[in-house]
């Protein structure tokens, strides 16, 4: 699982970036996306960021990608608690 957090000041670029991320995962908060997928998807995302988005960034823009492992503990409160995805198959 990946968590991608971004802070992009230009509205048009920020909108394009959020639409780009929606193809891969779901929005957790305004500028945070959760992506449940493979290393290949991560590679595709990083390539797009590097070759398309990065050259459009200003010095104030930032993107942080967190690669989460199964050992990471996630605690959710409020509405986010509804997005827990533990599935029990009997």
PDB file of N, CA and C in Angstrom:
ATOM      1  N   UNK A   1       0.842  -1.180   0.000  1.00  0.00           N
ATOM      2  CA  UNK A   1       0.000   0.000   0.000  1.00  0.00           C
ATOM      3  C   UNK A   1       0.884   1.239   0.000  1.00  0.00           C
ATOM      4  N   UNK A   2       0.430   2.237  -0.721  1.00  0.00           N
ATOM      5  CA  UNK A   2       1.126   3.515  -0.784  1.00  0.00           C
ATOM      6  C   UNK A   2       0.228   4.601  -0.225  1.00  0.00           C
ATOM      7  N   UNK A   3       0.835   5.555   0.443  1.00  0.00           N
ATOM      8  CA  UNK A   3       0.162   6.801   0.789  1.00  0.00           C
ATOM      9  C   UNK A   3       0.908   7.894   0.046  1.00  0.00           C
ATOM     10  N   UNK A   4       0.170   8.691  -0.687  1.00  0.00           N
ATOM     11  CA  UNK A   4       0.781   9.798  -1.416  1.00  0.00           C
ATOM     12  C   UNK A   4       0.153  11.086  -0.919  1.00  0.00           C
ATOM     13  N   UNK A   5       1.012  11.965  -0.427  1.00  0.00           N
ATOM     14  CA  UNK A   5       0.596  13.261   0.083  1.00  0.00           C
ATOM     15  C   UNK A   5       1.206  14.340  -0.808  1.00  0.00           C
ATOM     16  N   UNK A   6       0.427  15.357  -1.118  1.00  0.00           N
ATOM     17  CA  UNK A   6       0.951  16.406  -1.987  1.00  0.00           C
ATOM     18  C   UNK A   6       0.501  17.777  -1.524  1.00  0.00           C
ATOM     19  N   UNK A   7       1.308  18.752  -1.867  1.00  0.00           N
ATOM     20  CA  UNK A   7       1.015  20.156  -1.614  1.00  0.00           C
ATOM     21  C   UNK A   7       1.446  20.912  -2.864  1.00  0.00           C
ATOM     22  N   UNK A   8       0.492  21.211  -3.726  1.00  0.00           N
ATOM     23  CA  UNK A   8       0.768  21.873  -4.999  1.00  0.00           C
ATOM     24  C   UNK A   8      -0.011  23.179  -5.014  1.00  0.00           C
ATOM     25  N   UNK A   9       0.679  24.271  -5.210  1.00  0.00           N
ATOM     26  CA  UNK A   9       0.070  25.589  -5.072  1.00  0.00           C
ATOM     27  C   UNK A   9      -0.768  26.018  -6.272  1.00  0.00           C
ATOM     28  N   UNK A  10      -0.360  25.651  -7.472  1.00  0.00           N
ATOM     29  CA  UNK A  10      -1.087  26.065  -8.664  1.00  0.00           C
ATOM     30  C   UNK A  10      -2.354  25.206  -8.810  1.00  0.00           C
ATOM     31  N   UNK A  11      -3.497  25.838  -8.817  1.00  0.00           N
ATOM     32  CA  UNK A  11      -4.785  25.131  -8.818  1.00  0.00           C
ATOM     33  C   UNK A  11      -4.931  24.176  -9.998  1.00  0.00           C
ATOM     34  N   UNK A  12      -4.604  24.618 -11.187  1.00  0.00           N
ATOM     35  CA  UNK A  12      -4.773  23.783 -12.382  1.00  0.00           C
ATOM     36  C   UNK A  12      -3.895  22.527 -12.301  1.00  0.00           C
ATOM     37  N   UNK A  13      -2.653  22.680 -11.893  1.00  0.00           N
ATOM     38  CA  UNK A  13      -1.739  21.540 -11.766  1.00  0.00           C
ATOM     39  C   UNK A  13      -2.178  20.615 -10.632  1.00  0.00           C
ATOM     40  N   UNK A  14      -2.627  21.184  -9.527  1.00  0.00           N
ATOM     41  CA  UNK A  14      -3.111  20.388  -8.391  1.00  0.00           C
ATOM     42  C   UNK A  14      -4.315  19.536  -8.804  1.00  0.00           C
ATOM     43  N   UNK A  15      -5.216  20.122  -9.582  1.00  0.00           N
ATOM     44  CA  UNK A  15      -6.390  19.385 -10.059  1.00  0.00           C
ATOM     45  C   UNK A  15      -5.980  18.247 -10.979  1.00  0.00           C
ATOM     46  N   UNK A  16      -5.046  18.501 -11.901  1.00  0.00           N
ATOM     47  CA  UNK A  16      -4.554  17.443 -12.791  1.00  0.00           C
ATOM     48  C   UNK A  16      -3.910  16.318 -11.996  1.00  0.00           C
ATOM     49  N   UNK A  17      -3.141  16.683 -10.979  1.00  0.00           N
ATOM     50  CA  UNK A  17      -2.447  15.672 -10.185  1.00  0.00           C
ATOM     51  C   UNK A  17      -3.446  14.818  -9.401  1.00  0.00           C
ATOM     52  N   UNK A  18      -4.457  15.430  -8.827  1.00  0.00           N
ATOM     53  CA  UNK A  18      -5.445  14.655  -8.075  1.00  0.00           C
ATOM     54  C   UNK A  18      -6.234  13.735  -9.003  1.00  0.00           C
ATOM     55  N   UNK A  19      -6.565  14.186 -10.206  1.00  0.00           N
ATOM     56  CA  UNK A  19      -7.256  13.329 -11.179  1.00  0.00           C
ATOM     57  C   UNK A  19      -6.359  12.162 -11.600  1.00  0.00           C
ATOM     58  N   UNK A  20      -5.082  12.435 -11.737  1.00  0.00           N
ATOM     59  CA  UNK A  20      -4.109  11.385 -12.058  1.00  0.00           C
ATOM     60  C   UNK A  20      -4.099  10.315 -10.963  1.00  0.00           C
ATOM     61  N   UNK A  21      -4.049  10.736  -9.707  1.00  0.00           N
ATOM     62  CA  UNK A  21      -4.009   9.774  -8.596  1.00  0.00           C
ATOM     63  C   UNK A  21      -5.316   9.004  -8.448  1.00  0.00           C
ATOM     64  N   UNK A  22      -6.435   9.609  -8.792  1.00  0.00           N
ATOM     65  CA  UNK A  22      -7.736   8.928  -8.699  1.00  0.00           C
ATOM     66  C   UNK A  22      -7.797   7.686  -9.577  1.00  0.00           C
ATOM     67  N   UNK A  23      -6.975   7.644 -10.629  1.00  0.00           N
ATOM     68  CA  UNK A  23      -6.937   6.463 -11.498  1.00  0.00           C
ATOM     69  C   UNK A  23      -6.349   5.255 -10.778  1.00  0.00           C
ATOM     70  N   UNK A  24      -5.578   5.508  -9.727  1.00  0.00           N
ATOM     71  CA  UNK A  24      -4.863   4.434  -9.046  1.00  0.00           C
ATOM     72  C   UNK A  24      -5.396   4.097  -7.660  1.00  0.00           C
ATOM     73  N   UNK A  25      -6.061   5.035  -7.025  1.00  0.00           N
ATOM     74  CA  UNK A  25      -6.490   4.787  -5.654  1.00  0.00           C
ATOM     75  C   UNK A  25      -7.608   5.711  -5.226  1.00  0.00           C
ATOM     76  N   UNK A  26      -7.775   5.804  -3.910  1.00  0.00           N
ATOM     77  CA  UNK A  26      -8.858   6.633  -3.394  1.00  0.00           C
ATOM     78  C   UNK A  26      -8.321   7.723  -2.479  1.00  0.00           C
ATOM     79  N   UNK A  27      -9.058   8.811  -2.460  1.00  0.00           N
ATOM     80  CA  UNK A  27      -8.682   9.962  -1.647  1.00  0.00           C
ATOM     81  C   UNK A  27      -9.045   9.689  -0.191  1.00  0.00           C
ATOM     82  N   UNK A  28      -8.084   9.868   0.699  1.00  0.00           N
ATOM     83  CA  UNK A  28      -8.331   9.745   2.134  1.00  0.00           C
ATOM     84  C   UNK A  28      -8.652  11.094   2.741  1.00  0.00           C
ATOM     85  N   UNK A  29      -7.908  12.086   2.326  1.00  0.00           N
ATOM     86  CA  UNK A  29      -8.138  13.464   2.726  1.00  0.00           C
ATOM     87  C   UNK A  29      -7.876  14.330   1.506  1.00  0.00           C
ATOM     88  N   UNK A  30      -8.046  15.635   1.641  1.00  0.00           N
ATOM     89  CA  UNK A  30      -7.967  16.501   0.469  1.00  0.00           C
ATOM     90  C   UNK A  30      -6.693  16.274  -0.351  1.00  0.00           C
ATOM     91  N   UNK A  31      -5.563  16.156   0.288  1.00  0.00           N
ATOM     92  CA  UNK A  31      -4.304  15.999  -0.456  1.00  0.00           C
ATOM     93  C   UNK A  31      -3.568  14.714  -0.099  1.00  0.00           C
ATOM     94  N   UNK A  32      -4.324  13.675   0.250  1.00  0.00           N
ATOM     95  CA  UNK A  32      -3.723  12.378   0.601  1.00  0.00           C
ATOM     96  C   UNK A  32      -4.507  11.266  -0.093  1.00  0.00           C
ATOM     97  N   UNK A  33      -3.780  10.417  -0.825  1.00  0.00           N
ATOM     98  CA  UNK A  33      -4.389   9.282  -1.507  1.00  0.00           C
ATOM     99  C   UNK A  33      -3.804   7.980  -0.984  1.00  0.00           C
ATOM    100  N   UNK A  34      -4.645   6.950  -0.942  1.00  0.00           N
ATOM    101  CA  UNK A  34      -4.225   5.593  -0.592  1.00  0.00           C
ATOM    102  C   UNK A  34      -4.302   4.758  -1.865  1.00  0.00           C
ATOM    103  N   UNK A  35      -3.214   4.066  -2.153  1.00  0.00           N
ATOM    104  CA  UNK A  35      -3.153   3.246  -3.356  1.00  0.00           C
ATOM    105  C   UNK A  35      -2.749   1.844  -2.960  1.00  0.00           C
ATOM    106  N   UNK A  36      -3.630   0.900  -3.225  1.00  0.00           N
ATOM    107  CA  UNK A  36      -3.371  -0.500  -2.903  1.00  0.00           C
ATOM    108  C   UNK A  36      -3.010  -1.204  -4.200  1.00  0.00           C
ATOM    109  N   UNK A  37      -1.726  -1.398  -4.415  1.00  0.00           N
ATOM    110  CA  UNK A  37      -1.331  -2.031  -5.661  1.00  0.00           C
ATOM    111  C   UNK A  37       0.109  -2.505  -5.631  1.00  0.00           C
ATOM    112  N   UNK A  38       0.634  -2.837  -6.772  1.00  0.00           N
ATOM    113  CA  UNK A  38       1.920  -3.504  -6.907  1.00  0.00           C
ATOM    114  C   UNK A  38       3.085  -2.531  -7.076  1.00  0.00           C
ATOM    115  N   UNK A  39       4.283  -3.107  -7.090  1.00  0.00           N
ATOM    116  CA  UNK A  39       5.492  -2.326  -7.348  1.00  0.00           C
ATOM    117  C   UNK A  39       5.451  -1.714  -8.746  1.00  0.00           C
ATOM    118  N   UNK A  40       4.836  -2.412  -9.664  1.00  0.00           N
ATOM    119  CA  UNK A  40       4.716  -1.911 -11.043  1.00  0.00           C
ATOM    120  C   UNK A  40       3.891  -0.617 -11.085  1.00  0.00           C
ATOM    121  N   UNK A  41       2.829  -0.576 -10.312  1.00  0.00           N
ATOM    122  CA  UNK A  41       2.001   0.636 -10.251  1.00  0.00           C
ATOM    123  C   UNK A  41       2.807   1.785  -9.645  1.00  0.00           C
ATOM    124  N   UNK A  42       3.559   1.496  -8.591  1.00  0.00           N
ATOM    125  CA  UNK A  42       4.414   2.516  -7.987  1.00  0.00           C
ATOM    126  C   UNK A  42       5.400   3.057  -9.017  1.00  0.00           C
ATOM    127  N   UNK A  43       5.982   2.168  -9.790  1.00  0.00           N
ATOM    128  CA  UNK A  43       6.936   2.581 -10.821  1.00  0.00           C
ATOM    129  C   UNK A  43       6.263   3.487 -11.856  1.00  0.00           C
ATOM    130  N   UNK A  44       5.050   3.129 -12.270  1.00  0.00           N
ATOM    131  CA  UNK A  44       4.304   3.956 -13.229  1.00  0.00           C
ATOM    132  C   UNK A  44       4.015   5.340 -12.657  1.00  0.00           C
ATOM    133  N   UNK A  45       3.588   5.378 -11.405  1.00  0.00           N
ATOM    134  CA  UNK A  45       3.288   6.657 -10.752  1.00  0.00           C
ATOM    135  C   UNK A  45       4.535   7.524 -10.662  1.00  0.00           C
ATOM    136  N   UNK A  46       5.636   6.933 -10.223  1.00  0.00           N
ATOM    137  CA  UNK A  46       6.876   7.699 -10.090  1.00  0.00           C
ATOM    138  C   UNK A  46       7.373   8.203 -11.441  1.00  0.00           C
ATOM    139  N   UNK A  47       7.230   7.400 -12.481  1.00  0.00           N
ATOM    140  CA  UNK A  47       7.647   7.818 -13.821  1.00  0.00           C
ATOM    141  C   UNK A  47       6.817   9.008 -14.294  1.00  0.00           C
ATOM    142  N   UNK A  48       5.505   8.939 -14.100  1.00  0.00           N
ATOM    143  CA  UNK A  48       4.629  10.046 -14.485  1.00  0.00           C
ATOM    144  C   UNK A  48       4.977  11.322 -13.714  1.00  0.00           C
ATOM    145  N   UNK A  49       5.208  11.170 -12.419  1.00  0.00           N
ATOM    146  CA  UNK A  49       5.564  12.338 -11.611  1.00  0.00           C
ATOM    147  C   UNK A  49       6.864  12.945 -12.125  1.00  0.00           C
ATOM    148  N   UNK A  50       7.851  12.114 -12.350  1.00  0.00           N
ATOM    149  CA  UNK A  50       9.177  12.596 -12.752  1.00  0.00           C
ATOM    150  C   UNK A  50       9.154  13.278 -14.126  1.00  0.00           C
ATOM    151  N   UNK A  51       8.495  12.652 -15.091  1.00  0.00           N
ATOM    152  CA  UNK A  51       8.580  13.156 -16.461  1.00  0.00           C
ATOM    153  C   UNK A  51       7.451  14.092 -16.874  1.00  0.00           C
ATOM    154  N   UNK A  52       6.365  14.111 -16.140  1.00  0.00           N
ATOM    155  CA  UNK A  52       5.286  15.013 -16.514  1.00  0.00           C
ATOM    156  C   UNK A  52       5.083  16.128 -15.482  1.00  0.00           C
ATOM    157  N   UNK A  53       4.928  15.764 -14.224  1.00  0.00           N
ATOM    158  CA  UNK A  53       4.558  16.749 -13.203  1.00  0.00           C
ATOM    159  C   UNK A  53       5.748  17.537 -12.655  1.00  0.00           C
ATOM    160  N   UNK A  54       6.857  16.876 -12.400  1.00  0.00           N
ATOM    161  CA  UNK A  54       7.974  17.524 -11.704  1.00  0.00           C
ATOM    162  C   UNK A  54       8.473  18.776 -12.419  1.00  0.00           C
ATOM    163  N   UNK A  55       8.518  18.760 -13.727  1.00  0.00           N
ATOM    164  CA  UNK A  55       9.017  19.934 -14.452  1.00  0.00           C
ATOM    165  C   UNK A  55       8.064  21.131 -14.355  1.00  0.00           C
ATOM    166  N   UNK A  56       6.848  20.896 -13.889  1.00  0.00           N
ATOM    167  CA  UNK A  56       5.858  21.963 -13.737  1.00  0.00           C
ATOM    168  C   UNK A  56       5.792  22.512 -12.302  1.00  0.00           C
ATOM    169  N   UNK A  57       6.509  21.868 -11.385  1.00  0.00           N
ATOM    170  CA  UNK A  57       6.460  22.277  -9.979  1.00  0.00           C
ATOM    171  C   UNK A  57       7.254  23.541  -9.731  1.00  0.00           C
ATOM    172  N   UNK A  58       6.790  24.307  -8.743  1.00  0.00           N
ATOM    173  CA  UNK A  58       7.558  25.449  -8.262  1.00  0.00           C
ATOM    174  C   UNK A  58       8.352  24.988  -7.036  1.00  0.00           C
ATOM    175  N   UNK A  59       9.113  25.886  -6.467  1.00  0.00           N
ATOM    176  CA  UNK A  59       9.902  25.564  -5.275  1.00  0.00           C
ATOM    177  C   UNK A  59       9.017  25.305  -4.058  1.00  0.00           C
ATOM    178  N   UNK A  60       7.763  25.718  -4.117  1.00  0.00           N
ATOM    179  CA  UNK A  60       6.852  25.548  -2.985  1.00  0.00           C
ATOM    180  C   UNK A  60       6.081  24.229  -3.021  1.00  0.00           C
ATOM    181  N   UNK A  61       6.121  23.503  -4.129  1.00  0.00           N
ATOM    182  CA  UNK A  61       5.348  22.277  -4.288  1.00  0.00           C
ATOM    183  C   UNK A  61       6.103  21.068  -3.743  1.00  0.00           C
ATOM    184  N   UNK A  62       5.338  20.088  -3.249  1.00  0.00           N
ATOM    185  CA  UNK A  62       5.983  18.863  -2.764  1.00  0.00           C
ATOM    186  C   UNK A  62       5.031  17.673  -2.879  1.00  0.00           C
ATOM    187  N   UNK A  63       5.633  16.511  -3.076  1.00  0.00           N
ATOM    188  CA  UNK A  63       4.918  15.238  -3.087  1.00  0.00           C
ATOM    189  C   UNK A  63       5.739  14.283  -2.227  1.00  0.00           C
ATOM    190  N   UNK A  64       5.050  13.554  -1.356  1.00  0.00           N
ATOM    191  CA  UNK A  64       5.717  12.553  -0.526  1.00  0.00           C
ATOM    192  C   UNK A  64       4.999  11.229  -0.733  1.00  0.00           C
ATOM    193  N   UNK A  65       5.762  10.172  -1.033  1.00  0.00           N
ATOM    194  CA  UNK A  65       5.204   8.834  -1.216  1.00  0.00           C
ATOM    195  C   UNK A  65       5.680   7.964  -0.059  1.00  0.00           C
ATOM    196  N   UNK A  66       4.727   7.414   0.679  1.00  0.00           N
ATOM    197  CA  UNK A  66       5.031   6.503   1.778  1.00  0.00           C
ATOM    198  C   UNK A  66       4.710   5.085   1.312  1.00  0.00           C
ATOM    199  N   UNK A  67       5.681   4.208   1.350  1.00  0.00           N
ATOM    200  CA  UNK A  67       5.445   2.814   1.021  1.00  0.00           C
ATOM    201  C   UNK A  67       5.178   2.084   2.329  1.00  0.00           C
ATOM    202  N   UNK A  68       3.946   1.648   2.505  1.00  0.00           N
ATOM    203  CA  UNK A  68       3.525   1.007   3.744  1.00  0.00           C
ATOM    204  C   UNK A  68       3.672  -0.511   3.616  1.00  0.00           C
ATOM    205  N   UNK A  69       4.075  -1.146   4.690  1.00  0.00           N
ATOM    206  CA  UNK A  69       4.196  -2.607   4.695  1.00  0.00           C
ATOM    207  C   UNK A  69       3.079  -3.206   5.539  1.00  0.00           C
ATOM    208  N   UNK A  70       2.977  -4.516   5.517  1.00  0.00           N
ATOM    209  CA  UNK A  70       1.954  -5.199   6.309  1.00  0.00           C
ATOM    210  C   UNK A  70       2.208  -5.031   7.804  1.00  0.00           C
ATOM    211  N   UNK A  71       3.432  -4.722   8.192  1.00  0.00           N
ATOM    212  CA  UNK A  71       3.773  -4.544   9.593  1.00  0.00           C
ATOM    213  C   UNK A  71       3.382  -3.170  10.127  1.00  0.00           C
ATOM    214  N   UNK A  72       3.046  -2.243   9.242  1.00  0.00           N
ATOM    215  CA  UNK A  72       2.661  -0.902   9.674  1.00  0.00           C
ATOM    216  C   UNK A  72       1.307  -0.945  10.369  1.00  0.00           C
ATOM    217  N   UNK A  73       1.209  -0.245  11.462  1.00  0.00           N
ATOM    218  CA  UNK A  73      -0.053  -0.165  12.190  1.00  0.00           C
ATOM    219  C   UNK A  73      -0.786   1.099  11.760  1.00  0.00           C
ATOM    220  N   UNK A  74      -2.045   0.934  11.397  1.00  0.00           N
ATOM    221  CA  UNK A  74      -2.865   2.068  10.984  1.00  0.00           C
ATOM    222  C   UNK A  74      -4.028   2.184  11.960  1.00  0.00           C
ATOM    223  N   UNK A  75      -4.156   3.332  12.601  1.00  0.00           N
ATOM    224  CA  UNK A  75      -5.259   3.597  13.517  1.00  0.00           C
ATOM    225  C   UNK A  75      -6.123   4.677  12.890  1.00  0.00           C
ATOM    226  N   UNK A  76      -7.421   4.427  12.795  1.00  0.00           N
ATOM    227  CA  UNK A  76      -8.337   5.366  12.149  1.00  0.00           C
ATOM    228  C   UNK A  76      -9.365   5.867  13.164  1.00  0.00           C
ATOM    229  N   UNK A  77      -9.731   7.125  13.040  1.00  0.00           N
ATOM    230  CA  UNK A  77     -10.749   7.744  13.883  1.00  0.00           C
ATOM    231  C   UNK A  77     -11.748   8.463  12.995  1.00  0.00           C
ATOM    232  N   UNK A  78     -12.927   8.711  13.532  1.00  0.00           N
ATOM    233  CA  UNK A  78     -13.942   9.465  12.801  1.00  0.00           C
ATOM    234  C   UNK A  78     -14.370   8.754  11.532  1.00  0.00           C
ATOM    235  N   UNK A  79     -14.629   9.545  10.507  1.00  0.00           N
ATOM    236  CA  UNK A  79     -15.099   8.996   9.235  1.00  0.00           C
ATOM    237  C   UNK A  79     -14.110   7.997   8.640  1.00  0.00           C
ATOM    238  N   UNK A  80     -12.824   8.226   8.840  1.00  0.00           N
ATOM    239  CA  UNK A  80     -11.793   7.336   8.301  1.00  0.00           C
ATOM    240  C   UNK A  80     -11.949   5.910   8.821  1.00  0.00           C
ATOM    241  N   UNK A  81     -12.567   5.765   9.984  1.00  0.00           N
ATOM    242  CA  UNK A  81     -12.788   4.438  10.556  1.00  0.00           C
ATOM    243  C   UNK A  81     -13.679   3.594   9.651  1.00  0.00           C
ATOM    244  N   UNK A  82     -14.568   4.235   8.896  1.00  0.00           N
ATOM    245  CA  UNK A  82     -15.449   3.531   7.964  1.00  0.00           C
ATOM    246  C   UNK A  82     -14.707   2.959   6.767  1.00  0.00           C
ATOM    247  N   UNK A  83     -13.490   3.411   6.542  1.00  0.00           N
ATOM    248  CA  UNK A  83     -12.734   2.972   5.383  1.00  0.00           C
ATOM    249  C   UNK A  83     -11.783   1.825   5.688  1.00  0.00           C
ATOM    250  N   UNK A  84     -11.879   1.268   6.875  1.00  0.00           N
ATOM    251  CA  UNK A  84     -11.060   0.104   7.183  1.00  0.00           C
ATOM    252  C   UNK A  84     -11.482  -1.026   6.258  1.00  0.00           C
ATOM    253  N   UNK A  85     -10.505  -1.739   5.732  1.00  0.00           N
ATOM    254  CA  UNK A  85     -10.842  -2.707   4.695  1.00  0.00           C
ATOM    255  C   UNK A  85     -10.490  -4.143   5.071  1.00  0.00           C
ATOM    256  N   UNK A  86     -10.561  -4.479   6.341  1.00  0.00           N
ATOM    257  CA  UNK A  86     -10.319  -5.854   6.720  1.00  0.00           C
ATOM    258  C   UNK A  86     -11.478  -6.711   6.218  1.00  0.00           C
ATOM    259  N   UNK A  87     -11.154  -7.750   5.499  1.00  0.00           N
ATOM    260  CA  UNK A  87     -12.169  -8.614   4.931  1.00  0.00           C
ATOM    261  C   UNK A  87     -11.998 -10.010   5.506  1.00  0.00           C
ATOM    262  N   UNK A  88     -13.094 -10.574   5.989  1.00  0.00           N
ATOM    263  CA  UNK A  88     -13.074 -11.927   6.543  1.00  0.00           C
ATOM    264  C   UNK A  88     -13.816 -12.831   5.569  1.00  0.00           C
ATOM    265  N   UNK A  89     -13.098 -13.814   5.027  1.00  0.00           N
ATOM    266  CA  UNK A  89     -13.707 -14.763   4.107  1.00  0.00           C
ATOM    267  C   UNK A  89     -13.800 -16.105   4.810  1.00  0.00           C
ATOM    268  N   UNK A  90     -15.021 -16.647   4.913  1.00  0.00           N
ATOM    269  CA  UNK A  90     -15.241 -17.912   5.613  1.00  0.00           C
ATOM    270  C   UNK A  90     -15.451 -19.028   4.632  1.00  0.00           C
TER     271      UNK A  90
END
